[in-house]
Protein backbone atom coordinates (compact mmCIF):
# COMPACT_ATOMS: atom_id res chain seq x y z
CA MET A 1 0.00 0.00 0.00
CA PRO A 2 1.21 3.56 -0.66
CA ASP A 3 2.21 5.83 2.22
CA ILE A 4 -0.11 8.63 1.04
CA TRP A 5 -3.14 8.89 -1.27
CA MET A 6 -3.64 12.00 -3.41
CA ASP A 7 -6.13 13.15 -6.08
CA VAL A 8 -5.08 12.62 -9.71
CA ASP A 9 -5.57 15.29 -12.42
CA THR A 10 -5.19 18.05 -9.81
CA ALA A 11 -2.50 20.71 -9.29
CA LEU A 12 -0.75 19.78 -6.02
CA SER A 13 1.00 22.56 -4.09
CA GLU A 14 2.82 20.55 -1.39
CA VAL A 15 3.96 17.06 -2.39
CA PRO A 16 6.44 15.56 0.15
CA VAL A 17 9.96 15.18 -1.26
CA ASN A 18 11.46 13.17 1.63
CA ILE A 19 9.98 10.63 4.03
CA PHE A 20 12.66 11.37 6.72
CA PRO A 21 14.47 14.68 7.41
CA LEU A 22 17.39 15.47 5.10
CA ILE A 23 20.62 14.58 7.00
CA ASP A 24 24.12 16.05 6.79
CA ASP A 25 26.57 13.65 5.08
CA THR A 26 29.45 14.57 7.44
CA ASP A 27 28.15 13.72 10.92
CA PHE A 28 25.16 11.62 9.72
CA LYS A 29 22.80 13.14 12.30
CA THR A 30 22.36 16.89 11.78
CA ARG A 31 19.13 17.81 10.02
CA GLU A 32 19.62 19.98 6.93
CA THR A 33 17.11 22.84 7.24
CA ALA A 34 18.46 25.25 4.60
CA VAL A 35 18.69 23.24 1.39
CA ALA A 36 17.79 25.67 -1.44
CA TYR A 37 15.99 24.74 -4.63
CA ASN A 38 19.21 25.33 -6.58
CA ALA A 39 21.63 23.79 -4.06
CA ALA A 40 24.95 22.56 -5.46
CA GLY A 41 24.74 19.04 -6.83
CA MET A 42 20.92 18.97 -6.70
CA ASP A 43 19.71 15.80 -8.49
CA LEU A 44 15.97 15.18 -7.97
CA VAL A 45 14.23 12.27 -9.75
CA TRP A 46 10.52 11.39 -9.91
CA ASN A 47 9.94 7.61 -9.97
CA PHE A 48 6.51 6.46 -11.21
CA VAL A 49 4.81 3.08 -11.71
CA THR A 50 1.39 2.68 -13.37
CA PRO A 51 -1.13 0.03 -12.22
CA ALA A 52 -0.15 -1.85 -15.39
CA GLY A 53 3.47 -2.06 -14.17
CA ALA A 54 5.11 0.53 -16.47
CA PHE A 55 8.05 2.16 -14.62
CA THR A 56 9.52 5.59 -15.58
CA GLN A 57 12.07 8.01 -14.11
CA THR A 58 11.98 11.76 -14.86
CA ALA A 59 14.50 14.38 -13.75
CA VAL A 60 12.86 17.38 -12.04
CA THR A 61 14.47 20.81 -11.65
CA PRO A 62 13.11 22.58 -8.52
CA THR A 63 12.28 26.30 -8.77
CA SER A 64 11.70 29.15 -6.37
CA GLY A 65 8.20 29.66 -7.77
CA GLY A 66 5.91 28.30 -10.49
CA ASN A 67 5.22 24.65 -11.38
CA TYR A 68 7.99 23.08 -9.24
CA ASP A 69 8.20 25.41 -6.23
CA TRP A 70 10.60 23.96 -3.59
CA THR A 71 9.62 24.71 0.03
CA HIS A 72 11.15 23.85 3.42
CA GLN A 73 8.24 22.93 5.67
CA GLY A 74 10.35 22.63 8.84
CA ASP A 75 12.85 20.32 10.61
CA GLY A 76 14.46 19.20 7.34
CA MET A 77 11.18 18.21 5.64
CA TYR A 78 10.65 19.58 2.11
CA THR A 79 7.81 19.71 -0.42
CA ILE A 80 7.47 20.59 -4.12
CA GLU A 81 4.60 21.63 -6.39
CA ILE A 82 3.40 19.33 -9.22
CA PRO A 83 1.08 20.81 -11.91
CA ALA A 84 -1.90 18.92 -13.30
CA SER A 85 -0.69 19.60 -16.85
CA GLY A 86 1.63 21.80 -18.86
CA GLY A 87 4.73 21.20 -16.75
CA ALA A 88 8.20 21.06 -18.28
CA SER A 89 8.97 17.64 -16.78
CA ILE A 90 6.27 15.88 -14.67
CA ASN A 91 2.50 16.36 -14.37
CA ASN A 92 -0.17 14.89 -12.10
CA ASP A 93 -2.18 13.39 -14.96
CA THR A 94 -1.88 9.60 -14.58
CA GLU A 95 -3.17 7.06 -12.03
CA GLY A 96 -0.39 5.10 -10.32
CA PHE A 97 2.30 5.29 -7.64
CA GLY A 98 5.18 7.78 -7.46
CA TRP A 99 8.01 8.81 -5.16
CA PHE A 100 11.01 11.17 -5.21
CA THR A 101 14.67 10.19 -4.85
CA GLY A 102 17.44 12.74 -4.63
CA VAL A 103 20.87 13.88 -3.53
CA CYS A 104 22.82 17.15 -3.33
CA THR A 105 26.18 18.32 -2.06
CA GLY A 106 26.57 17.90 1.73
CA VAL A 107 23.33 15.87 2.11
CA LEU A 108 22.86 12.10 2.29
CA PRO A 109 20.77 10.56 -0.53
CA TRP A 110 17.07 10.51 0.30
CA ARG A 111 13.74 8.93 -0.72
CA GLY A 112 10.25 10.36 -0.47
CA PRO A 113 7.05 8.57 0.56
CA ILE A 114 5.25 6.39 -2.00
CA ILE A 115 2.19 8.35 -3.12
CA GLY A 116 -0.85 6.71 -4.69
CA PHE A 117 -2.72 8.79 -7.29
CA ARG A 118 -6.39 7.95 -7.89
CA ARG A 119 -9.68 9.65 -8.73
CA ALA A 120 -10.74 12.36 -6.31
CA ALA A 121 -14.13 10.67 -5.91
CA LEU A 122 -12.46 7.64 -4.31
CA ASN A 123 -10.54 9.79 -1.86
CA ASP A 124 -13.76 11.67 -1.05
CA LEU A 125 -15.57 8.37 -0.42
CA LEU A 126 -12.90 6.61 1.58
CA ILE A 127 -11.11 9.50 3.33
CA GLU A 128 -12.60 12.98 3.04
CA GLY A 129 -16.39 12.55 2.69
CA SER A 130 -17.94 12.93 6.15
CA THR A 131 -20.89 10.53 5.72
CA ALA A 132 -19.11 7.83 3.72
CA SER A 133 -15.94 7.84 5.81
CA THR A 134 -17.89 7.77 9.06
CA ASN A 135 -19.97 4.84 7.84
CA MET A 136 -16.89 2.94 6.71
CA GLU A 137 -15.19 3.43 10.09
CA ASP A 138 -18.28 2.72 12.18
CA PHE A 139 -19.80 -0.19 10.24
CA PHE A 140 -18.48 -2.68 12.73
CA ASP A 141 -19.40 -0.94 16.00
CA GLY A 142 -23.05 -0.24 15.17
CA THR A 143 -22.86 3.54 15.51
CA GLY A 144 -22.68 4.44 11.84
CA TYR A 145 -24.71 1.72 10.18
CA ALA A 146 -27.45 3.31 8.12
CA GLY A 147 -29.79 0.34 8.69
CA GLY A 148 -29.76 0.60 12.45
CA THR A 149 -27.48 0.41 15.45
CA THR A 150 -26.81 -3.32 15.32
CA PRO A 151 -23.13 -3.99 14.71
CA LEU A 152 -22.15 -5.92 11.60
CA ASN A 153 -20.20 -9.03 12.54
CA VAL A 154 -19.43 -12.52 11.36
CA ASN A 155 -21.26 -15.00 13.68
CA VAL A 156 -20.51 -18.74 13.11
CA SER A 157 -23.49 -19.82 15.20
CA SER A 158 -26.02 -17.83 13.18
CA ILE A 159 -24.49 -19.13 9.99
CA SER A 160 -24.80 -22.76 11.11
CA ASN A 161 -28.53 -22.42 11.84
CA ASN A 162 -29.32 -21.81 8.19
CA ALA A 163 -26.22 -23.36 6.68
CA ILE A 164 -26.38 -25.11 3.34
CA THR A 165 -25.34 -28.64 4.30
CA ALA A 166 -25.24 -31.95 2.43
CA ALA A 167 -28.29 -33.11 4.41
CA SER A 168 -30.36 -30.04 3.49
CA ILE A 169 -29.41 -30.50 -0.14
CA ALA A 170 -30.30 -34.21 -0.08
CA THR A 171 -33.81 -33.59 1.22
CA GLY A 172 -35.01 -32.09 -2.04
CA ALA A 173 -32.30 -33.37 -4.31
CA ILE A 174 -33.03 -34.45 -7.87
CA ASP A 175 -31.60 -38.00 -7.88
CA ALA A 176 -31.86 -40.96 -10.24
CA ASP A 177 -35.09 -42.20 -8.59
CA ALA A 178 -36.81 -38.85 -8.99
CA ILE A 179 -35.81 -38.71 -12.64
CA ALA A 180 -37.02 -42.29 -13.32
CA ASP A 181 -40.51 -41.61 -12.08
CA ASN A 182 -41.31 -39.16 -14.87
CA ALA A 183 -38.50 -39.97 -17.25
CA ILE A 184 -38.88 -39.25 -20.97
CA ASP A 185 -38.30 -42.67 -22.55
CA ALA A 186 -38.58 -44.08 -26.05
CA GLY A 187 -42.23 -44.99 -25.53
CA ALA A 188 -43.12 -41.43 -24.57
CA ILE A 189 -41.33 -40.07 -27.61
CA ALA A 190 -42.96 -42.53 -29.99
CA THR A 191 -46.42 -41.44 -29.00
CA GLY A 192 -46.06 -37.99 -30.60
CA ALA A 193 -43.17 -38.67 -32.95
CA ILE A 194 -43.04 -37.14 -36.46
CA THR A 195 -42.90 -40.16 -38.77
CA ALA A 196 -42.87 -40.63 -42.53
CA ALA A 197 -46.48 -41.79 -42.38
CA LYS A 198 -47.55 -38.62 -40.58
CA PHE A 199 -45.60 -36.46 -43.03
CA ALA A 200 -47.11 -38.22 -46.03
CA SER A 201 -50.63 -37.65 -44.88
CA GLY A 202 -50.23 -33.86 -45.23
CA ALA A 203 -47.51 -33.74 -47.85
CA ILE A 204 -47.58 -31.17 -50.73
CA ASP A 205 -47.69 -33.38 -53.81
CA ALA A 206 -48.58 -32.78 -57.43
CA ALA A 207 -52.26 -33.18 -56.66
CA ALA A 208 -52.08 -30.50 -53.99
CA LEU A 209 -50.56 -27.93 -56.40
CA ALA A 210 -52.97 -25.45 -57.94
CA ALA A 211 -53.61 -25.56 -61.63
CA ASP A 212 -51.76 -22.24 -62.23
CA ALA A 213 -48.84 -23.03 -59.91
CA GLY A 214 -46.48 -23.61 -62.84
CA SER A 215 -47.17 -20.22 -64.44
CA GLU A 216 -46.82 -18.44 -61.11
CA ILE A 217 -43.46 -20.09 -60.49
CA ALA A 218 -42.25 -19.21 -63.98
CA THR A 219 -43.35 -15.59 -63.54
CA ALA A 220 -41.40 -15.40 -60.27
CA VAL A 221 -38.32 -16.91 -61.92
CA TRP A 222 -38.27 -14.43 -64.81
CA ALA A 223 -39.04 -11.51 -62.52
CA SER A 224 -35.28 -11.39 -61.78
CA ALA A 225 -33.90 -8.43 -63.72
CA THR A 226 -30.54 -10.05 -64.40
CA ARG A 227 -30.01 -13.64 -65.57
CA THR A 228 -26.62 -15.11 -66.42
CA VAL A 229 -26.29 -18.14 -68.69
CA THR A 230 -23.06 -19.90 -67.77
CA SER A 231 -22.90 -22.53 -70.54
CA ALA A 232 -23.51 -22.82 -74.27
CA ALA A 233 -27.12 -23.82 -73.71
CA ASN A 234 -30.01 -22.83 -75.91
CA ILE A 235 -32.80 -20.48 -74.95
CA THR A 236 -35.60 -21.26 -77.35
CA SER A 237 -38.73 -19.28 -78.17
CA THR A 238 -41.22 -19.49 -81.00
CA GLY A 239 -39.32 -16.75 -82.83
CA GLY A 240 -36.10 -18.74 -83.21
CA THR A 241 -33.20 -20.21 -81.32
CA VAL A 242 -30.51 -18.14 -79.62
CA THR A 243 -27.32 -20.15 -79.15
CA LEU A 244 -24.32 -19.34 -76.95
CA ASP A 245 -20.88 -20.24 -78.32
CA GLY A 246 -18.04 -21.62 -76.20
CA SER A 247 -17.10 -18.12 -74.97
CA GLY A 248 -20.63 -17.28 -73.94
CA TYR A 249 -21.39 -14.97 -76.91
CA VAL A 250 -24.71 -15.22 -78.76
CA THR A 251 -24.83 -16.89 -82.18
CA TYR A 252 -27.81 -16.69 -84.52
CA ALA A 253 -29.36 -19.79 -86.08
CA ASN A 254 -31.99 -18.04 -88.24
CA ALA A 255 -31.12 -14.32 -88.52
CA ALA A 256 -28.06 -12.02 -88.37
CA PRO A 257 -28.13 -8.71 -86.45
CA PRO A 258 -28.47 -5.47 -88.51
CA THR A 259 -25.26 -3.74 -89.57
CA ALA A 260 -24.30 -0.17 -88.68
CA ALA A 261 -25.01 0.94 -92.24
CA ALA A 262 -28.49 -0.60 -92.12
CA ILE A 263 -29.24 1.13 -88.85
CA ALA A 264 -28.08 4.54 -90.17
CA ASP A 265 -30.12 4.03 -93.36
CA ALA A 266 -33.24 3.27 -91.31
CA VAL A 267 -32.70 6.37 -89.12
CA TRP A 268 -32.46 8.81 -92.07
CA ASP A 269 -35.35 7.11 -93.93
CA GLU A 270 -37.62 7.38 -90.89
CA SER A 271 -40.76 9.42 -91.59
CA THR A 272 -41.01 12.71 -89.65
CA THR A 273 -44.74 12.21 -89.20
CA GLY A 274 -44.12 9.54 -86.60
CA HIS A 275 -42.07 11.82 -84.38
CA THR A 276 -44.09 14.82 -83.24
CA THR A 277 -43.73 14.57 -79.44
CA ALA A 278 -42.46 17.89 -78.10
CA GLY A 279 -38.99 17.69 -76.63
CA THR A 280 -37.75 14.82 -78.81
CA PHE A 281 -34.94 15.13 -81.35
CA GLY A 282 -37.29 14.08 -84.16
CA ALA A 283 -39.89 16.80 -83.41
CA GLN A 284 -37.25 19.51 -82.94
CA CYS A 285 -35.41 18.75 -86.19
CA ALA A 286 -38.63 18.71 -88.22
CA THR A 287 -40.21 21.88 -86.77
CA ASP A 288 -37.00 23.97 -86.45
CA ILE A 289 -35.88 23.29 -90.05
CA ASP A 290 -39.31 24.32 -91.33
CA ALA A 291 -39.14 27.53 -89.28
CA ILE A 292 -35.69 28.37 -90.68
CA LEU A 293 -36.99 27.92 -94.22
CA ASP A 294 -39.92 30.21 -93.47
CA ASP A 295 -37.53 32.95 -92.29
CA THR A 296 -35.06 32.70 -95.17
CA GLY A 297 -37.43 31.80 -98.02
CA THR A 298 -37.05 28.96 -100.45
CA SER A 299 -34.39 30.91 -102.39
CA GLY A 300 -32.36 31.91 -99.36
CA VAL A 301 -31.82 35.44 -97.96
CA VAL A 302 -32.56 37.94 -100.74
CA VAL A 303 -32.56 41.75 -100.88
CA GLY A 304 -36.22 41.86 -101.57
CA SER A 305 -37.10 40.06 -98.39
CA ILE A 306 -34.89 42.44 -96.40
CA ALA A 307 -36.47 45.54 -97.90
CA ASN A 308 -39.87 44.76 -96.50
CA ASN A 309 -38.75 45.38 -92.93
CA ALA A 310 -35.43 47.10 -93.57
CA ILE A 311 -33.93 49.57 -91.07
CA THR A 312 -33.84 52.81 -93.12
CA ALA A 313 -33.23 56.47 -92.29
CA ALA A 314 -36.94 57.06 -92.49
CA ALA A 315 -37.63 54.18 -90.10
CA ILE A 316 -35.06 55.57 -87.67
CA ALA A 317 -36.45 59.11 -87.93
CA THR A 318 -39.91 57.93 -87.02
CA GLY A 319 -38.86 56.97 -83.49
CA ALA A 320 -35.62 58.96 -83.28
CA ILE A 321 -34.48 60.64 -80.04
CA ASP A 322 -34.08 64.28 -81.09
CA ALA A 323 -33.53 67.50 -79.13
CA ASP A 324 -37.26 67.83 -78.50
CA ALA A 325 -37.37 64.37 -76.93
CA LEU A 326 -34.55 65.13 -74.49
CA ALA A 327 -35.50 66.40 -71.07
CA ALA A 328 -34.55 69.91 -70.03
CA ASP A 329 -31.84 68.68 -67.63
CA ALA A 330 -30.54 65.93 -69.94
CA GLY A 331 -27.29 67.79 -70.60
CA THR A 332 -26.61 68.22 -66.88
CA GLU A 333 -27.24 64.54 -66.20
CA ILE A 334 -24.99 63.42 -69.06
CA GLY A 335 -22.22 65.78 -67.94
CA THR A 336 -22.46 64.52 -64.36
CA ALA A 337 -22.17 60.92 -65.58
CA VAL A 338 -19.15 61.77 -67.76
CA TRP A 339 -17.22 63.49 -64.95
CA ALA A 340 -18.10 60.78 -62.45
CA THR A 341 -15.19 58.84 -63.92
CA THR A 342 -12.28 59.25 -61.51
CA THR A 343 -9.56 58.87 -64.16
CA ARG A 344 -9.57 60.70 -67.50
CA THR A 345 -6.82 60.65 -70.13
CA LEU A 346 -6.53 63.55 -72.61
CA THR A 347 -5.06 62.44 -75.92
CA ALA A 348 -5.03 65.80 -77.73
CA ALA A 349 -4.15 69.43 -77.00
CA THR A 350 -7.65 70.22 -75.86
CA ASN A 351 -8.67 72.75 -73.26
CA ILE A 352 -10.23 71.98 -69.87
CA THR A 353 -11.81 75.23 -68.72
CA SER A 354 -13.15 76.12 -65.31
CA THR A 355 -14.09 79.40 -63.67
CA GLY A 356 -10.63 79.53 -62.11
CA GLY A 357 -8.74 79.61 -65.40
CA THR A 358 -7.83 77.63 -68.46
CA VAL A 359 -5.47 74.65 -68.39
CA THR A 360 -4.09 74.02 -71.85
CA LEU A 361 -2.21 71.00 -73.17
CA ASP A 362 0.57 71.69 -75.67
CA GLY A 363 1.35 69.48 -78.67
CA SER A 364 3.32 67.05 -76.49
CA GLY A 365 0.53 66.67 -73.96
CA TYR A 366 2.19 68.83 -71.25
CA VAL A 367 0.17 71.39 -69.32
CA THR A 368 0.63 75.08 -70.13
CA TYR A 369 -0.71 77.89 -67.96
CA ALA A 370 -2.86 80.72 -69.29
CA ASN A 371 -3.21 82.72 -66.06
CA ALA A 372 -0.44 81.60 -63.66
CA ALA A 373 3.05 80.14 -63.90
CA PRO A 374 4.20 77.25 -61.64
CA PRO A 375 6.62 78.16 -58.84
CA THR A 376 10.30 78.18 -59.78
CA ALA A 377 12.93 75.97 -58.15
CA ALA A 378 14.32 79.05 -56.37
CA ALA A 379 10.88 79.95 -55.00
CA ILE A 380 10.35 76.35 -53.76
CA ALA A 381 13.78 76.30 -52.09
CA ASP A 382 13.13 79.69 -50.51
CA ALA A 383 9.80 78.47 -49.09
CA VAL A 384 11.41 75.26 -47.76
CA TRP A 385 14.20 77.08 -45.87
CA ASP A 386 11.82 79.76 -44.57
CA GLU A 387 9.42 77.14 -43.14
CA ALA A 388 8.98 77.47 -39.36
CA THR A 389 10.35 74.51 -37.37
CA SER A 390 7.38 74.69 -34.97
CA GLY A 391 5.11 73.15 -37.60
CA HIS A 392 7.22 70.02 -37.98
CA THR A 393 7.45 68.10 -34.70
CA SER A 394 6.27 64.61 -35.72
CA ALA A 395 8.87 61.97 -34.77
CA GLY A 396 10.64 60.39 -37.73
CA THR A 397 10.22 63.37 -40.12
CA PHE A 398 13.10 65.31 -41.67
CA GLY A 399 11.82 68.56 -40.17
CA GLU A 400 11.71 67.19 -36.62
CA GLN A 401 15.10 65.47 -36.93
CA CYS A 402 16.90 68.56 -38.31
CA ALA A 403 15.49 70.80 -35.57
CA THR A 404 16.23 68.51 -32.62
CA ASP A 405 19.57 67.14 -33.84
CA ILE A 406 20.98 70.58 -34.70
CA ASP A 407 20.01 71.83 -31.22
CA ALA A 408 21.78 68.81 -29.70
CA ILE A 409 24.91 69.47 -31.79
CA LEU A 410 24.93 73.11 -30.68
CA THR A 411 24.76 72.02 -27.04
CA ASP A 412 27.73 69.66 -27.49
CA THR A 413 29.89 72.15 -29.44
CA ALA A 414 29.19 74.89 -26.84
CA GLU A 415 30.92 72.71 -24.27
CA ILE A 416 34.03 72.40 -26.53
CA GLY A 417 34.21 76.17 -27.01
CA ALA A 418 36.21 78.23 -29.49
CA ALA A 419 39.57 76.63 -30.38
CA GLY A 420 38.89 73.89 -27.79
CA ALA A 421 38.76 76.29 -24.84
CA GLY A 422 36.21 74.11 -23.06
CA LEU A 423 38.36 70.96 -23.22
CA THR A 424 39.89 71.39 -19.77
CA ALA A 425 38.77 68.20 -18.07
CA ILE A 426 39.85 65.48 -20.51
CA PRO A 427 41.31 62.56 -18.49
CA TRP A 428 44.67 61.10 -19.52
CA ASN A 429 44.49 57.73 -21.22
CA SER A 430 47.32 55.37 -20.29
CA SER A 431 47.27 53.87 -23.78
CA TRP A 432 48.65 57.21 -25.04
CA ASP A 433 51.99 56.74 -23.17
CA ALA A 434 53.54 54.41 -25.71
CA GLU A 435 52.32 56.55 -28.61
CA VAL A 436 53.78 59.79 -27.13
CA GLN A 437 57.07 58.04 -26.32
CA SER A 438 57.30 56.74 -29.88
CA GLU A 439 56.67 60.17 -31.37
CA VAL A 440 59.30 61.86 -29.08
CA PHE A 441 61.88 59.20 -29.85
CA ASP A 442 61.32 59.57 -33.60
CA ALA A 443 61.79 63.35 -33.33
CA LEU A 444 65.04 63.05 -31.30
CA ASP A 445 66.35 60.36 -33.59
CA ALA A 446 65.78 62.53 -36.61
CA ALA A 447 67.47 65.51 -34.92
CA PHE A 448 70.61 63.67 -33.75
CA THR A 449 71.22 61.29 -36.64
CA ASP A 450 73.76 62.48 -39.21
CA ALA A 451 72.47 60.72 -42.24
CA THR A 452 75.22 62.19 -44.45
CA GLY A 453 78.22 61.58 -42.12
CA LEU A 454 80.48 58.61 -41.68
CA THR A 455 77.69 56.55 -40.18
CA SER A 456 73.92 56.62 -40.13
CA ASN A 457 73.33 54.71 -36.92
CA GLY A 458 70.44 55.78 -34.70
CA LEU A 459 70.19 57.94 -31.60
CA LEU A 460 70.36 55.15 -29.02
CA ASP A 461 73.39 53.64 -30.66
CA ARG A 462 75.16 57.01 -30.71
CA ILE A 463 74.38 57.73 -27.06
CA ARG A 464 75.59 54.25 -26.05
CA THR A 465 78.82 54.68 -28.05
CA LEU A 466 79.35 58.14 -26.53
CA GLY A 467 79.06 56.62 -23.06
CA TRP A 468 81.67 54.02 -23.86
CA ILE A 469 84.10 56.64 -25.23
CA LEU A 470 83.65 58.99 -22.29
CA ARG A 471 83.93 56.58 -19.42
CA ASN A 472 85.07 53.11 -20.53
CA LYS A 473 88.52 51.63 -20.89
CA ILE A 474 90.47 52.59 -24.07
CA GLU A 475 93.72 51.02 -25.28
CA VAL A 476 95.97 52.77 -27.89
CA THR A 477 98.87 51.04 -29.62
CA ASP A 478 101.72 53.58 -29.70
CA ALA A 479 103.32 52.24 -32.85
CA ASN A 480 100.35 52.57 -35.13
CA GLY A 481 97.63 54.46 -33.16
CA ASN A 482 95.17 51.53 -33.30
CA THR A 483 92.51 52.10 -30.63
CA VAL A 484 90.25 49.59 -28.83
CA ILE A 485 87.19 50.87 -26.91
CA TYR A 486 85.70 48.41 -24.37
CA LYS A 487 82.17 47.84 -23.17
CA ASP A 488 81.05 48.44 -19.59
CA ASP A 489 82.72 45.24 -18.32
CA SER A 490 86.15 46.59 -19.46
CA THR A 491 86.84 43.17 -20.94
CA THR A 492 84.67 42.92 -24.05
CA ALA A 493 85.78 45.09 -26.96
CA ALA A 494 82.99 47.24 -28.29
CA PHE A 495 84.82 48.15 -31.48
CA THR A 496 88.33 48.83 -32.83
CA VAL A 497 89.50 51.85 -34.87
CA SER A 498 92.71 51.45 -36.85
CA SER A 499 95.14 54.38 -36.57
CA MET A 500 92.61 56.30 -34.52
CA LEU A 501 95.39 58.29 -32.82
CA THR A 502 98.52 59.33 -34.76
CA ASP A 503 101.52 61.39 -33.75
CA ASP A 504 103.70 63.19 -36.33
CA SER A 505 105.80 64.78 -33.55
CA THR A 506 103.90 68.00 -34.06
CA THR A 507 100.16 67.13 -33.87
CA THR A 508 98.28 64.27 -32.25
CA THR A 509 95.05 63.59 -34.16
CA ARG A 510 92.13 61.46 -32.92
CA LEU A 511 89.88 60.03 -35.61
CA ARG A 512 86.12 59.76 -35.22
CA ALA A 513 85.41 56.60 -33.27
CA ALA A 514 81.99 55.82 -34.67
């Protein structure tokens, strides 16, 4: 049996997650009362078995609100919400048995109670309904029995008084002797048996058939609309014999069927007098051809026949619509109808005149002006730039954008000031250090480098060499003036200059070292 019963197909707000308090996995006794819905290592699984034995496991992610709201009820006991439908993982929409298992960091693995899910009506009857539950609980003490106050019990003595025993069965039992007394034996059957003799006495024989029985049977047989002859048998009548060949087709013993030519000949030779029923092809052909001949004459359509009822000028004049026949406002009505057309195309240099002036089309179909010239480009431009900004404030229009953006630009440039006078609070950017250093070095290098002298080495090289010459060890060979200048360690030669120092007994000359 499950630990708990709950209603199926219902949103449940507090479903127990654990059957015992969650316990710390270090000391194995401290109750964990602050496990959050998103605790580290949270792994919550819903196990479910249907009454048919189908087992499933579904991972559930607790939330701080919504379909799977995780709540600490107290003393390490936790609950979670389960929706009736529409949940991302599990829903309370199936009868069966389910329980939670889970683990998270710092907490021993746990299991929840086994919950049985069944129709709410059953829970109402067996648990929640006041009358039904009271009756179920009190049936056996006599206090809740609807039929009275006598307790319901199982009493062996009362059962034995009216028990169904072998003796009570035997008293009225149907045994062999009882059957034999009124048994149905061969003699009893023979008395009323249906025998050949009895059948013959009332049999339907030839004598009993009516005189017209044969014709009635034949009529019934041929009343079937469809009859299939399955062999090459003959069907004979007084008119001749119709024979079926081996394939079931009809052969003719005394006459051949008419040919197509014979049928066509008979159709066209048929007398029209026999076909006068209205609506038939025969009647229509006969009467309509005669009517056509009456209209065209026996000699066809001739001028003379036309002249009798010809449409002539005189005939037209007799019923003509002239000025007198027109109503007084006919012109107005016609004009209104003409100009009711929304689109009109002028194909010639005609004039359209109104009280305001005359619009004239030239030979190319362009409009010319008799009383006013169109505005020039200069006049249009002048009107555009003189337009007040106050009339153009709708967002997204050119007028609104120009007005607001130009004002914003003026605000920004006012802060800069003339010649950058307002730029007094620009913070230094450390990324500029390397750039400034590079620019200064390039300038000094260009100033100190003698590109046209003995060497074209750079500024740093010259300064380094100057340092060596000024302070480092120098050796001069007296015989030839060869000079060695050493690096800072006074051991490694930086460079050697042949005959750097010479002495002609009058002047000692030192050559350029580098």
